[in-house]
Protein backbone atom coordinates (compact mmCIF):
# COMPACT_ATOMS: atom_id res chain seq x y z
CA MET A 1 39.40 -47.47 -14.87
CA SER A 2 36.59 -45.77 -16.18
CA GLU A 3 37.16 -42.81 -17.91
CA SER A 4 34.65 -40.53 -16.06
CA ASN A 5 36.37 -41.12 -12.91
CA SER A 6 39.19 -43.02 -11.46
CA ARG A 7 37.19 -45.69 -9.69
CA PRO A 8 37.76 -49.49 -11.09
CA LEU A 9 34.52 -50.41 -13.11
CA THR A 10 31.93 -52.57 -11.49
CA VAL A 11 31.40 -56.23 -12.83
CA ARG A 12 27.93 -54.91 -14.05
CA GLU A 13 29.68 -52.00 -15.87
CA VAL A 14 32.14 -54.49 -17.59
CA PHE A 15 29.33 -56.70 -18.41
CA GLU A 16 27.30 -53.57 -20.07
CA GLN A 17 30.61 -52.54 -21.88
CA HIS A 18 30.96 -55.98 -23.68
CA ILE A 19 27.84 -57.99 -23.59
CA GLU A 20 26.48 -56.88 -27.02
CA ARG A 21 29.96 -57.63 -28.83
CA LEU A 22 30.03 -60.90 -27.08
CA ARG A 23 26.63 -61.98 -28.28
CA GLN A 24 27.55 -60.60 -31.86
CA VAL A 25 30.48 -62.91 -31.83
CA ALA A 26 28.67 -65.97 -30.44
CA ARG A 27 25.80 -65.60 -33.09
CA GLU A 28 28.81 -65.43 -35.65
CA HIS A 29 29.94 -68.80 -34.29
CA GLY A 30 26.20 -70.21 -34.53
CA TYR A 31 25.69 -70.06 -30.68
CA ALA A 32 23.19 -68.06 -28.54
CA LEU A 33 24.74 -66.52 -25.56
CA ALA A 34 22.95 -66.11 -22.24
CA VAL A 35 24.05 -64.20 -19.00
CA HIS A 36 23.06 -66.15 -15.63
CA GLY A 37 24.32 -65.25 -12.25
CA SER A 38 24.08 -61.98 -10.04
CA LEU A 39 26.92 -60.15 -11.71
CA GLU A 40 28.47 -59.35 -8.46
CA ARG A 41 31.85 -61.47 -8.40
CA ASP A 42 31.94 -62.51 -12.24
CA ILE A 43 30.27 -62.44 -15.50
CA ASP A 44 28.84 -65.97 -16.21
CA LEU A 45 28.04 -66.80 -19.59
CA LEU A 46 26.33 -69.76 -21.09
CA ALA A 47 26.82 -70.51 -24.73
CA ALA A 48 24.29 -72.97 -26.66
CA PRO A 49 24.91 -74.09 -30.16
CA TRP A 50 21.90 -72.73 -32.25
CA VAL A 51 22.64 -73.82 -35.87
CA GLU A 52 23.73 -77.02 -37.27
CA GLU A 53 26.86 -75.31 -38.30
CA ALA A 54 28.08 -73.92 -35.19
CA SER A 55 31.96 -73.74 -34.57
CA ASP A 56 33.42 -76.20 -31.94
CA ALA A 57 33.72 -75.00 -28.28
CA ASP A 58 37.28 -74.11 -28.50
CA THR A 59 37.11 -72.05 -31.48
CA LEU A 60 34.16 -70.07 -29.79
CA ALA A 61 36.07 -69.52 -26.32
CA ILE A 62 38.86 -68.13 -28.35
CA ALA A 63 36.68 -65.73 -30.37
CA LEU A 64 34.87 -64.73 -27.11
CA ARG A 65 38.15 -64.08 -25.47
CA ASP A 66 39.53 -62.14 -28.08
CA ALA A 67 36.54 -59.83 -28.36
CA VAL A 68 37.40 -58.37 -25.07
CA HIS A 69 40.99 -58.73 -25.54
CA GLY A 70 42.97 -55.60 -24.54
CA ALA A 71 39.65 -53.83 -23.39
CA PHE A 72 41.01 -53.18 -20.25
CA GLY A 73 44.53 -51.70 -21.22
CA THR A 74 46.18 -54.88 -20.89
CA THR A 75 46.16 -58.57 -22.10
CA LEU A 76 43.36 -60.77 -20.44
CA GLU A 77 45.13 -63.51 -18.26
CA GLY A 78 44.10 -67.16 -18.68
CA ASP A 79 44.49 -69.82 -20.92
CA PRO A 80 41.80 -70.93 -23.72
CA GLN A 81 42.14 -74.59 -22.63
CA PRO A 82 39.11 -75.93 -20.74
CA GLU A 83 39.11 -76.29 -17.08
CA GLY A 84 37.51 -79.54 -17.69
CA LEU A 85 34.19 -81.17 -18.52
CA ARG A 86 31.04 -80.24 -16.53
CA PRO A 87 27.86 -82.07 -16.28
CA HIS A 88 25.92 -82.77 -19.61
CA GLY A 89 29.28 -82.45 -21.68
CA ARG A 90 29.40 -78.59 -20.85
CA ARG A 91 32.71 -77.25 -21.07
CA SER A 92 33.98 -74.04 -19.27
CA TRP A 93 37.00 -71.62 -19.33
CA ALA A 94 37.57 -68.27 -17.07
CA PHE A 95 39.01 -65.22 -18.56
CA ILE A 96 40.55 -63.20 -16.28
CA THR A 97 40.88 -59.52 -16.37
CA PRO A 98 43.53 -57.43 -14.79
CA GLU A 99 43.53 -57.09 -10.97
CA SER A 100 42.51 -53.60 -11.33
CA THR A 101 38.81 -54.62 -12.05
CA HIS A 102 38.45 -57.61 -10.15
CA THR A 103 36.37 -59.10 -12.77
CA TYR A 104 36.57 -62.28 -14.81
CA PHE A 105 34.11 -63.99 -17.48
CA ASP A 106 33.21 -67.62 -16.54
CA LEU A 107 32.12 -69.09 -19.95
CA SER A 108 30.31 -72.43 -20.25
CA VAL A 109 29.86 -73.89 -23.81
CA MET A 110 27.01 -76.63 -24.23
CA PRO A 111 28.17 -79.48 -26.61
CA ARG A 112 26.91 -79.55 -30.32
CA SER A 113 24.74 -82.81 -31.35
CA SER A 114 28.08 -83.76 -33.43
CA ASP A 115 29.97 -83.81 -29.99
CA VAL A 116 27.82 -85.94 -28.05
CA LYS A 117 28.70 -89.72 -28.26
């Protein structure tokens, strides 16, 4: 709930609250973080490795999840285990926020060159 009134935050408001912190965490792990999609239903994030020493995708996903953990007054639901491989070796996770906001983070992480076989 927003503090200024008792209505749930919109997806865009949740995005605006967290994007700078998420980008900072991604940078700390050697990734660039982009947002794509309409911000109507969820927050679609795409992380691309930017430096040679970038963290592995699991470490990044957990760090990003933890960056918003508890921000909604309760624990985020979801598991840091990947949902599965996507095209081009991309991996993805969904971090679900509490029911009251109806928002979730849909994270995709592109593989590092060392991950490509």
